[in-house]
N, C-alpha and C. Protein backbone atom coordinates (compact mmCIF):
# COMPACT_ATOMS: atom_id res chain seq x y z
N MET A 1 0.81 -1.20 0.00
CA MET A 1 0.00 0.00 0.00
C MET A 1 0.85 1.26 0.00
N LEU A 2 2.04 1.17 0.59
CA LEU A 2 2.92 2.33 0.62
C LEU A 2 3.35 2.70 -0.80
N GLU A 3 3.51 1.70 -1.66
CA GLU A 3 3.90 1.98 -3.04
C GLU A 3 2.83 2.82 -3.74
N ALA A 4 1.57 2.50 -3.46
CA ALA A 4 0.48 3.27 -4.07
C ALA A 4 0.51 4.72 -3.61
N PHE A 5 0.80 4.93 -2.34
CA PHE A 5 0.88 6.30 -1.82
C PHE A 5 2.04 7.06 -2.46
N VAL A 6 3.16 6.37 -2.66
CA VAL A 6 4.32 7.01 -3.32
C VAL A 6 3.96 7.38 -4.75
N ILE A 7 3.29 6.49 -5.46
CA ILE A 7 2.88 6.77 -6.84
C ILE A 7 1.93 7.95 -6.88
N LEU A 8 0.96 7.98 -5.96
CA LEU A 8 0.02 9.09 -5.92
C LEU A 8 0.72 10.40 -5.57
N SER A 9 1.73 10.34 -4.73
CA SER A 9 2.50 11.54 -4.39
C SER A 9 3.28 12.05 -5.59
N VAL A 10 3.83 11.15 -6.38
CA VAL A 10 4.54 11.55 -7.60
C VAL A 10 3.57 12.19 -8.59
N VAL A 11 2.39 11.60 -8.74
CA VAL A 11 1.36 12.18 -9.61
C VAL A 11 1.01 13.58 -9.11
N SER A 12 0.88 13.72 -7.81
CA SER A 12 0.57 15.02 -7.22
C SER A 12 1.65 16.05 -7.51
N LEU A 13 2.91 15.64 -7.42
CA LEU A 13 4.01 16.56 -7.73
C LEU A 13 4.00 16.97 -9.20
N VAL A 14 3.69 16.03 -10.09
CA VAL A 14 3.60 16.36 -11.52
C VAL A 14 2.48 17.38 -11.75
N LEU A 15 1.35 17.19 -11.08
CA LEU A 15 0.24 18.14 -11.21
C LEU A 15 0.63 19.52 -10.68
N LEU A 16 1.37 19.55 -9.58
CA LEU A 16 1.82 20.83 -9.04
C LEU A 16 2.77 21.54 -10.00
N VAL A 17 3.68 20.80 -10.61
CA VAL A 17 4.60 21.40 -11.59
C VAL A 17 3.81 21.94 -12.78
N MET A 18 2.83 21.17 -13.25
CA MET A 18 1.99 21.65 -14.35
C MET A 18 1.24 22.92 -13.97
N ALA A 19 0.74 22.98 -12.73
CA ALA A 19 0.03 24.17 -12.27
C ALA A 19 0.95 25.38 -12.26
N ILE A 20 2.17 25.19 -11.79
CA ILE A 20 3.13 26.30 -11.74
C ILE A 20 3.45 26.78 -13.16
N VAL A 21 3.65 25.85 -14.07
CA VAL A 21 3.96 26.21 -15.46
C VAL A 21 2.79 26.98 -16.08
N ILE A 22 1.57 26.51 -15.85
CA ILE A 22 0.39 27.18 -16.42
C ILE A 22 0.20 28.55 -15.78
N LEU A 23 0.32 28.63 -14.47
CA LEU A 23 0.13 29.92 -13.79
C LEU A 23 1.20 30.93 -14.17
N SER A 24 2.38 30.46 -14.55
CA SER A 24 3.44 31.38 -14.96
C SER A 24 3.23 31.89 -16.39
N GLY A 25 2.26 31.33 -17.10
CA GLY A 25 1.97 31.76 -18.45
C GLY A 25 2.77 31.04 -19.52
N LYS A 26 3.51 30.03 -19.15
CA LYS A 26 4.36 29.31 -20.10
C LYS A 26 3.72 28.01 -20.59
N GLY A 27 2.57 27.63 -20.04
CA GLY A 27 2.01 26.32 -20.37
C GLY A 27 0.64 26.36 -20.99
N ASP A 28 0.40 27.33 -21.85
CA ASP A 28 -0.92 27.40 -22.48
C ASP A 28 -1.24 26.15 -23.29
N SER A 29 -0.22 25.49 -23.81
CA SER A 29 -0.46 24.27 -24.59
C SER A 29 -0.93 23.11 -23.70
N LEU A 30 -0.78 23.24 -22.39
CA LEU A 30 -1.23 22.20 -21.47
C LEU A 30 -2.72 22.31 -21.13
N ILE A 31 -3.34 23.41 -21.51
CA ILE A 31 -4.75 23.61 -21.19
C ILE A 31 -5.59 22.87 -22.23
N ALA A 32 -6.24 21.82 -21.79
CA ALA A 32 -6.98 20.95 -22.71
C ALA A 32 -8.14 21.69 -23.35
N GLY A 33 -8.21 21.61 -24.67
CA GLY A 33 -9.33 22.17 -25.40
C GLY A 33 -9.20 23.63 -25.76
N TYR A 34 -8.35 24.36 -25.08
CA TYR A 34 -8.26 25.80 -25.35
C TYR A 34 -7.56 26.06 -26.67
N ASN A 35 -6.44 25.42 -26.90
CA ASN A 35 -5.69 25.67 -28.13
C ASN A 35 -6.31 25.02 -29.36
N THR A 36 -7.12 24.01 -29.15
CA THR A 36 -7.78 23.36 -30.28
C THR A 36 -9.10 24.03 -30.63
N ALA A 37 -9.54 24.96 -29.79
CA ALA A 37 -10.79 25.67 -30.04
C ALA A 37 -10.59 26.66 -31.19
N SER A 38 -11.70 27.04 -31.78
CA SER A 38 -11.62 28.02 -32.87
C SER A 38 -11.17 29.37 -32.32
N ARG A 39 -10.72 30.23 -33.19
CA ARG A 39 -10.24 31.56 -32.79
C ARG A 39 -11.36 32.34 -32.09
N GLU A 40 -12.59 32.20 -32.56
CA GLU A 40 -13.72 32.91 -31.96
C GLU A 40 -13.96 32.46 -30.53
N VAL A 41 -13.86 31.15 -30.30
CA VAL A 41 -14.06 30.62 -28.95
C VAL A 41 -12.92 31.07 -28.04
N GLN A 42 -11.69 31.06 -28.54
CA GLN A 42 -10.56 31.51 -27.74
C GLN A 42 -10.70 32.97 -27.36
N GLU A 43 -11.18 33.79 -28.29
CA GLU A 43 -11.33 35.22 -28.02
C GLU A 43 -12.48 35.50 -27.07
N ALA A 44 -13.37 34.54 -26.88
CA ALA A 44 -14.49 34.73 -25.96
C ALA A 44 -14.06 34.60 -24.50
N TYR A 45 -12.87 34.07 -24.25
CA TYR A 45 -12.39 33.85 -22.89
C TYR A 45 -11.15 34.68 -22.61
N ASP A 46 -11.04 35.16 -21.38
CA ASP A 46 -9.87 35.88 -20.93
C ASP A 46 -8.77 34.86 -20.64
N LYS A 47 -7.69 34.91 -21.41
CA LYS A 47 -6.64 33.90 -21.32
C LYS A 47 -6.02 33.86 -19.92
N ARG A 48 -5.82 35.01 -19.30
CA ARG A 48 -5.23 35.06 -17.97
C ARG A 48 -6.14 34.37 -16.95
N ARG A 49 -7.43 34.60 -17.06
CA ARG A 49 -8.37 33.97 -16.13
C ARG A 49 -8.48 32.47 -16.36
N VAL A 50 -8.38 32.05 -17.61
CA VAL A 50 -8.39 30.61 -17.90
C VAL A 50 -7.16 29.96 -17.28
N ARG A 51 -6.01 30.62 -17.39
CA ARG A 51 -4.79 30.10 -16.76
C ARG A 51 -4.98 29.97 -15.25
N ILE A 52 -5.52 31.00 -14.63
CA ILE A 52 -5.73 30.96 -13.17
C ILE A 52 -6.69 29.83 -12.82
N LEU A 53 -7.77 29.70 -13.56
CA LEU A 53 -8.77 28.67 -13.28
C LEU A 53 -8.18 27.27 -13.39
N VAL A 54 -7.45 27.02 -14.46
CA VAL A 54 -6.86 25.69 -14.65
C VAL A 54 -5.75 25.45 -13.64
N GLY A 55 -4.94 26.46 -13.35
CA GLY A 55 -3.87 26.31 -12.37
C GLY A 55 -4.41 25.99 -10.99
N VAL A 56 -5.44 26.70 -10.57
CA VAL A 56 -6.04 26.43 -9.26
C VAL A 56 -6.69 25.05 -9.24
N LEU A 57 -7.34 24.67 -10.32
CA LEU A 57 -7.92 23.33 -10.41
C LEU A 57 -6.85 22.26 -10.24
N LEU A 58 -5.72 22.43 -10.91
CA LEU A 58 -4.63 21.46 -10.79
C LEU A 58 -4.07 21.41 -9.37
N ILE A 59 -3.97 22.56 -8.72
CA ILE A 59 -3.48 22.58 -7.34
C ILE A 59 -4.45 21.86 -6.42
N VAL A 60 -5.74 22.09 -6.59
CA VAL A 60 -6.74 21.42 -5.76
C VAL A 60 -6.67 19.90 -5.96
N VAL A 61 -6.58 19.46 -7.19
CA VAL A 61 -6.49 18.03 -7.47
C VAL A 61 -5.18 17.47 -6.92
N ALA A 62 -4.09 18.23 -7.05
CA ALA A 62 -2.79 17.78 -6.54
C ALA A 62 -2.81 17.62 -5.03
N VAL A 63 -3.60 18.41 -4.34
CA VAL A 63 -3.72 18.28 -2.89
C VAL A 63 -4.65 17.12 -2.54
N MET A 64 -5.71 16.96 -3.31
CA MET A 64 -6.69 15.90 -3.03
C MET A 64 -6.14 14.50 -3.23
N VAL A 65 -5.35 14.30 -4.26
CA VAL A 65 -4.88 12.95 -4.61
C VAL A 65 -4.15 12.28 -3.46
N PRO A 66 -3.13 12.89 -2.85
CA PRO A 66 -2.46 12.19 -1.75
C PRO A 66 -3.33 12.08 -0.49
N ILE A 67 -4.23 13.03 -0.28
CA ILE A 67 -5.12 12.93 0.88
C ILE A 67 -6.02 11.71 0.74
N PHE A 68 -6.64 11.56 -0.42
CA PHE A 68 -7.49 10.39 -0.63
C PHE A 68 -6.68 9.11 -0.64
N GLY A 69 -5.46 9.15 -1.16
CA GLY A 69 -4.59 7.98 -1.11
C GLY A 69 -4.25 7.59 0.32
N PHE A 70 -3.96 8.58 1.15
CA PHE A 70 -3.67 8.32 2.56
C PHE A 70 -4.89 7.72 3.27
N LEU A 71 -6.07 8.29 3.01
CA LEU A 71 -7.29 7.76 3.62
C LEU A 71 -7.57 6.33 3.16
N LEU A 72 -7.26 6.05 1.91
CA LEU A 72 -7.45 4.70 1.40
C LEU A 72 -6.51 3.72 2.09
N ILE A 73 -5.27 4.13 2.30
CA ILE A 73 -4.30 3.28 3.00
C ILE A 73 -4.74 3.04 4.44
N ARG A 74 -5.33 4.06 5.06
CA ARG A 74 -5.75 3.94 6.46
C ARG A 74 -7.02 3.11 6.63
N GLY A 75 -7.63 2.68 5.53
CA GLY A 75 -8.77 1.79 5.63
C GLY A 75 -10.13 2.46 5.53
N TYR A 76 -10.17 3.67 5.02
CA TYR A 76 -11.44 4.38 4.89
C TYR A 76 -12.03 4.21 3.50
N LYS A 77 -12.03 2.98 3.00
CA LYS A 77 -12.49 2.71 1.64
C LYS A 77 -13.96 3.10 1.45
N ASP A 78 -14.81 2.78 2.42
CA ASP A 78 -16.24 3.10 2.29
C ASP A 78 -16.47 4.61 2.25
N LEU A 79 -15.72 5.34 3.05
CA LEU A 79 -15.82 6.80 3.04
C LEU A 79 -15.36 7.37 1.70
N ILE A 80 -14.27 6.84 1.19
CA ILE A 80 -13.72 7.31 -0.08
C ILE A 80 -14.72 7.07 -1.21
N MET A 81 -15.43 5.94 -1.17
CA MET A 81 -16.38 5.60 -2.23
C MET A 81 -17.51 6.62 -2.33
N VAL A 82 -17.80 7.33 -1.24
CA VAL A 82 -18.86 8.34 -1.25
C VAL A 82 -18.27 9.74 -1.43
N VAL A 83 -17.24 10.04 -0.69
CA VAL A 83 -16.70 11.40 -0.66
C VAL A 83 -15.96 11.75 -1.95
N PHE A 84 -15.19 10.82 -2.49
CA PHE A 84 -14.40 11.13 -3.69
C PHE A 84 -15.27 11.51 -4.89
N PRO A 85 -16.28 10.70 -5.26
CA PRO A 85 -17.11 11.11 -6.40
C PRO A 85 -17.86 12.42 -6.14
N ALA A 86 -18.32 12.62 -4.91
CA ALA A 86 -19.02 13.87 -4.59
C ALA A 86 -18.08 15.06 -4.71
N THR A 87 -16.86 14.90 -4.24
CA THR A 87 -15.87 15.97 -4.33
C THR A 87 -15.53 16.27 -5.78
N VAL A 88 -15.34 15.25 -6.57
CA VAL A 88 -15.03 15.44 -7.99
C VAL A 88 -16.19 16.16 -8.68
N PHE A 89 -17.42 15.76 -8.39
CA PHE A 89 -18.58 16.41 -8.98
C PHE A 89 -18.63 17.89 -8.62
N ILE A 90 -18.40 18.21 -7.36
CA ILE A 90 -18.43 19.61 -6.91
C ILE A 90 -17.34 20.42 -7.59
N ILE A 91 -16.15 19.85 -7.68
CA ILE A 91 -15.03 20.57 -8.31
C ILE A 91 -15.29 20.80 -9.79
N VAL A 92 -15.80 19.79 -10.48
CA VAL A 92 -16.10 19.94 -11.91
C VAL A 92 -17.20 20.97 -12.12
N ALA A 93 -18.25 20.93 -11.30
CA ALA A 93 -19.33 21.91 -11.42
C ALA A 93 -18.82 23.32 -11.15
N ALA A 94 -17.99 23.48 -10.13
CA ALA A 94 -17.43 24.80 -9.82
C ALA A 94 -16.53 25.29 -10.94
N THR A 95 -15.77 24.39 -11.54
CA THR A 95 -14.88 24.78 -12.64
C THR A 95 -15.68 25.23 -13.86
N PHE A 96 -16.70 24.47 -14.24
CA PHE A 96 -17.50 24.86 -15.39
C PHE A 96 -18.24 26.17 -15.13
N THR A 97 -18.76 26.33 -13.93
CA THR A 97 -19.44 27.57 -13.59
C THR A 97 -18.48 28.75 -13.63
N SER A 98 -17.30 28.57 -13.07
CA SER A 98 -16.30 29.64 -13.08
C SER A 98 -15.86 29.97 -14.50
N ALA A 99 -15.69 28.95 -15.32
CA ALA A 99 -15.28 29.19 -16.70
C ALA A 99 -16.33 29.99 -17.45
N HIS A 100 -17.59 29.70 -17.18
CA HIS A 100 -18.65 30.39 -17.90
C HIS A 100 -18.86 31.82 -17.40
N PHE A 101 -18.88 32.01 -16.08
CA PHE A 101 -19.22 33.31 -15.54
C PHE A 101 -18.02 34.19 -15.21
N TRP A 102 -16.88 33.61 -14.90
CA TRP A 102 -15.73 34.41 -14.48
C TRP A 102 -14.70 34.56 -15.58
N ALA A 103 -14.38 33.47 -16.28
CA ALA A 103 -13.32 33.52 -17.28
C ALA A 103 -13.81 33.99 -18.65
N LYS A 104 -15.10 33.97 -18.87
CA LYS A 104 -15.62 34.40 -20.15
C LYS A 104 -15.64 35.92 -20.20
N LYS A 105 -15.18 36.48 -21.32
CA LYS A 105 -15.18 37.93 -21.48
C LYS A 105 -16.61 38.42 -21.57
N LYS A 106 -16.82 39.59 -21.01
CA LYS A 106 -18.15 40.20 -21.07
C LYS A 106 -18.36 40.79 -22.46
N ASP A 107 -19.54 40.60 -22.98
CA ASP A 107 -19.88 41.16 -24.28
C ASP A 107 -20.23 42.63 -24.08
N LYS A 108 -19.40 43.51 -24.60
CA LYS A 108 -19.59 44.95 -24.38
C LYS A 108 -20.83 45.47 -25.09
N LYS A 109 -21.24 44.83 -26.17
CA LYS A 109 -22.43 45.28 -26.88
C LYS A 109 -23.68 45.09 -26.04
N ASN A 110 -23.73 43.99 -25.27
CA ASN A 110 -24.92 43.70 -24.47
C ASN A 110 -24.93 44.44 -23.15
N THR A 111 -23.78 44.91 -22.68
CA THR A 111 -23.74 45.56 -21.37
C THR A 111 -23.94 47.06 -21.46
N GLU A 112 -23.92 47.63 -22.67
CA GLU A 112 -24.07 49.08 -22.81
C GLU A 112 -25.51 49.48 -22.93
């Protein structure tokens, strides 16, 4: 079981490095779907806010992974089976909501 925790910790470190690269503005190619989107879709979002959103998401996941791994090692499998999917659902919902309302540029034509 210790091997699993070590693997999860390495995954967590990789996610943290990715978050730092994205937050520094050097890892736009790591943002899934953003670079493959059409130019119109890319222009609809504030790139700096998308970086912040994805970077914070990666940090949250990087913190969660070893915590859930530790709880799994300690024998809280039943708790993990309920809490982990609920936590993932909440994080995904918050990310989509933030992307739509916070990271999306305001349409100046409609606000005037």
